[in-house]
Protein backbone atom coordinates (compact mmCIF):
# COMPACT_ATOMS: atom_id res chain seq x y z
CA MET A 1 36.67 22.98 -21.67
CA LYS A 2 33.79 23.04 -24.14
CA SER A 3 33.26 24.74 -27.45
CA LEU A 4 30.68 27.50 -27.58
CA GLU A 5 28.49 25.28 -29.74
CA GLN A 6 28.67 22.38 -27.27
CA PHE A 7 27.86 24.65 -24.34
CA VAL A 8 24.76 25.95 -26.14
CA LYS A 9 23.69 22.42 -27.08
CA ASP A 10 24.17 21.13 -23.52
CA ASN A 11 22.25 24.00 -21.91
CA GLU A 12 19.46 24.78 -24.40
CA GLY A 13 16.19 24.69 -22.42
CA GLN A 14 18.00 24.08 -19.12
CA PHE A 15 18.13 26.19 -15.99
CA LEU A 16 21.73 27.00 -15.18
CA GLU A 17 22.92 28.04 -11.72
CA VAL A 18 26.61 28.91 -11.41
CA ALA A 19 27.02 31.30 -8.49
CA GLY A 20 24.99 33.62 -6.36
CA SER A 21 22.61 33.66 -3.48
CA SER A 22 19.79 31.21 -2.83
CA ASN A 23 17.20 33.95 -3.41
CA ALA A 24 18.57 34.77 -6.89
CA LYS A 25 18.74 31.49 -8.79
CA PHE A 26 18.77 30.96 -12.55
CA GLN A 27 19.62 34.53 -13.46
CA CYS A 28 20.99 35.82 -16.77
CA VAL A 29 24.41 36.18 -15.14
CA ASP A 30 24.43 32.43 -14.35
CA CYS A 31 24.21 31.53 -18.02
CA VAL A 32 27.06 33.90 -18.87
CA ASN A 33 29.18 32.70 -15.95
CA GLY A 34 28.69 29.13 -17.16
CA TYR A 35 29.98 30.23 -20.57
CA ILE A 36 32.92 32.08 -18.98
CA ARG A 37 33.85 29.04 -16.87
CA ASP A 38 33.19 26.20 -19.33
CA VAL A 39 34.11 27.76 -22.69
CA LEU A 40 36.48 30.65 -22.03
CA GLY A 41 38.18 29.15 -18.99
CA PHE A 42 38.30 32.53 -17.26
CA PRO A 43 37.31 33.18 -13.62
CA ILE A 44 33.57 33.73 -13.27
CA ILE A 45 32.30 37.21 -12.45
CA GLU A 46 30.40 37.04 -9.18
CA HIS A 47 28.44 39.36 -6.93
CA THR A 48 27.38 41.89 -9.53
CA ASN A 49 24.44 42.77 -11.73
CA ALA A 50 24.63 42.38 -15.50
CA ILE A 51 25.21 46.08 -16.14
CA ASP A 52 28.34 46.10 -13.94
CA PHE A 53 30.07 43.04 -15.43
CA LYS A 54 32.71 45.24 -17.06
CA ASN A 55 33.81 46.51 -13.65
CA LYS A 56 34.95 43.01 -12.66
CA ALA A 57 36.30 41.86 -16.02
CA ASN A 58 39.89 41.52 -14.68
CA GLY A 59 41.52 42.61 -17.92
CA ASN A 60 40.39 39.41 -19.69
CA TYR A 61 38.09 41.32 -22.06
CA GLU A 62 38.09 44.27 -24.40
CA ILE A 63 35.09 46.49 -23.58
CA ILE A 64 33.32 47.81 -26.69
CA TYR A 65 30.62 50.42 -26.16
CA ASN A 66 27.62 50.33 -28.46
CA ASP A 67 27.20 53.25 -30.86
CA ILE A 68 23.75 53.19 -32.45
CA ASN A 69 25.04 55.61 -35.11
CA ASN A 70 27.66 53.13 -36.32
CA PRO A 71 25.96 50.20 -38.13
CA ASN A 72 29.35 48.48 -38.61
CA LEU A 73 29.99 48.24 -34.86
CA VAL A 74 28.36 44.93 -33.94
CA PRO A 75 29.01 42.11 -31.47
CA ASP A 76 30.80 39.02 -32.75
CA VAL A 77 30.26 35.38 -31.85
CA GLY A 78 31.58 34.82 -28.33
CA ASP A 79 31.16 38.41 -27.16
CA ILE A 80 29.27 38.95 -23.91
CA VAL A 81 26.48 41.45 -24.60
CA VAL A 82 25.14 43.70 -21.85
CA TYR A 83 21.84 45.59 -21.89
CA LYS A 84 21.37 48.62 -19.66
CA HIS A 85 18.03 49.47 -18.09
CA PRO A 86 16.78 52.20 -15.74
CA ASN A 87 16.63 49.56 -12.97
CA ASN A 88 20.48 49.54 -12.92
CA ILE A 89 20.45 45.73 -13.15
CA GLY A 90 20.27 45.20 -16.88
CA HIS A 91 20.43 41.93 -18.80
CA ILE A 92 23.28 39.85 -20.20
CA GLY A 93 23.91 36.99 -22.62
CA PHE A 94 26.56 35.95 -25.11
CA CYS A 95 26.58 36.32 -28.87
CA ILE A 96 25.99 33.16 -30.92
CA ARG A 97 25.41 34.84 -34.31
CA LYS A 98 27.41 37.84 -35.49
CA GLY A 99 25.42 41.03 -35.30
CA THR A 100 24.04 43.09 -38.12
CA ALA A 101 22.90 46.70 -37.86
CA LEU A 102 19.48 45.49 -36.62
CA THR A 103 19.90 42.21 -34.72
CA PHE A 104 22.32 39.60 -33.38
CA GLY A 105 22.07 36.07 -32.02
CA ILE A 106 22.20 35.59 -28.26
CA PHE A 107 22.20 32.73 -25.77
CA GLU A 108 20.53 33.90 -22.58
CA GLU A 109 18.68 32.88 -19.44
CA ASN A 110 15.87 34.56 -17.52
CA TRP A 111 14.44 36.48 -20.51
CA PRO A 112 11.58 36.83 -19.96
CA VAL A 113 11.91 36.43 -16.21
CA GLY A 114 11.79 32.78 -15.18
CA SER A 115 12.87 31.38 -18.57
CA PRO A 116 15.56 28.72 -18.99
CA CYS A 117 18.63 29.15 -21.20
CA LYS A 118 17.73 29.57 -24.85
CA SER A 119 19.03 30.69 -28.22
CA VAL A 120 17.48 33.77 -29.83
CA LEU A 121 18.82 34.35 -33.34
CA ASN A 122 17.31 37.78 -33.99
CA LYS A 123 17.67 39.75 -30.76
CA LYS A 124 17.21 43.49 -31.14
CA TYR A 125 19.56 46.08 -29.66
CA ILE A 126 16.65 48.01 -28.16
CA LEU A 127 13.86 46.16 -26.33
CA GLY A 128 11.58 48.65 -24.58
CA ASP A 129 13.70 50.24 -21.85
CA TYR A 130 16.53 47.74 -22.41
CA VAL A 131 19.32 49.00 -24.70
CA VAL A 132 22.62 47.28 -25.52
CA ASP A 133 25.21 49.35 -23.67
CA TYR A 134 28.40 47.41 -24.40
CA TRP A 135 29.85 44.01 -25.13
CA MET A 136 32.89 42.31 -23.70
CA ARG A 137 35.18 40.63 -26.23
CA PRO A 138 37.28 37.86 -24.65
CA LYS A 139 41.00 38.29 -25.16
CA SER A 140 41.71 34.91 -26.74
CA VAL A 141 45.44 35.63 -26.56
CA ILE A 142 45.32 34.70 -22.88
CA ILE A 143 44.38 31.09 -23.59
CA SER A 144 46.27 30.71 -26.85
CA GLU A 145 49.53 31.71 -25.14
CA MET A 146 49.12 29.16 -22.33
CA THR A 147 51.34 26.12 -22.23
CA GLU A 148 49.66 22.72 -22.46
CA ASP A 149 50.29 22.18 -18.73
CA GLU A 150 48.63 25.52 -17.94
CA LYS A 151 45.61 24.57 -20.07
CA LYS A 152 45.35 21.21 -18.27
CA LEU A 153 45.54 22.93 -14.89
CA LEU A 154 42.87 25.42 -15.97
CA GLY A 155 40.64 22.53 -17.08
CA LEU A 156 41.16 20.76 -13.73
CA ILE A 157 40.27 23.92 -11.85
CA ASN A 158 37.13 24.51 -13.91
CA GLU A 159 35.93 20.89 -13.70
CA ASN A 160 36.29 20.77 -9.93
CA GLY A 161 35.05 24.23 -9.05
CA LEU A 162 38.30 25.20 -7.39
CA GLY A 163 38.90 28.79 -6.36
CA GLU A 164 41.81 31.19 -6.27
CA GLY A 165 43.04 29.83 -2.91
CA ASP A 166 43.14 26.31 -4.33
CA LEU A 167 45.09 27.55 -7.35
CA ARG A 168 47.64 29.32 -5.15
CA TRP A 169 48.04 26.14 -3.09
CA LEU A 170 48.65 24.09 -6.24
CA VAL A 171 51.21 26.60 -7.53
CA ASP A 172 53.03 26.63 -4.17
CA LEU A 173 52.94 22.83 -4.07
CA LYS A 174 54.43 22.64 -7.55
CA LYS A 175 57.16 25.15 -6.64
CA ASN A 176 58.05 23.20 -3.51
CA GLN A 177 58.18 19.86 -5.32
CA THR A 178 59.91 20.88 -8.54
CA VAL A 179 63.48 21.14 -7.20
CA PRO A 180 63.46 17.92 -5.11
CA ASN A 181 61.88 15.98 -7.99
CA LEU A 182 64.41 17.37 -10.43
CA GLU A 183 67.30 16.52 -8.10
CA LYS A 184 65.95 12.97 -7.71
CA LYS A 185 65.69 12.53 -11.49
CA VAL A 186 69.26 13.82 -11.97
CA GLU A 187 70.55 11.32 -9.37
CA GLU A 188 68.69 8.44 -11.04
CA ARG A 189 69.94 9.40 -14.49
CA THR A 190 73.51 9.75 -13.18
CA ARG A 191 73.38 6.21 -11.70
CA GLU A 192 72.02 4.85 -14.99
CA LEU A 193 74.84 6.47 -16.95
CA GLN A 194 77.47 5.19 -14.50
CA ASN A 195 76.18 1.64 -14.92
CA VAL A 196 76.41 1.92 -18.69
CA LEU A 197 79.98 3.25 -18.63
């Protein structure tokens, strides 16, 4: 997994394609899904427009709705920021500089349409018909409570583009092999101890 800073450095000025159809490449959601996969280690959020990301967040995020009357309510570094728009598609990026009452820093793709990934350090909350609707704050507890083996498995899954079916297969394989392997190790250790005595 990468740090947020490394992800931004690696993708600045690049076109990023993570998931989606062949007629919708290099969208704002691709940049965010790359961040979700490579930095957060969470499952990507597929088959949805930016405005509906919260509906597929799988409990991995706290959803914080924007309140333009509360200048202290601002996105933090790492939050996924979602703009609503009358087109019901919206726009999305992730926060790279903590917000103030007027602006925040964002890493985004396809803004304006056709643009590669880029950092914008003074993004406004209202841009014409686009208005920040909410942001998704990753629940870092999920990763911090993982065992080292679980983190390694998550890294393997992310690096190889494995899906849920692959993960279930790996878990079943581990379950099926744990007892026989343990029994074999107990037998070997017992023989070693008998030879010593």
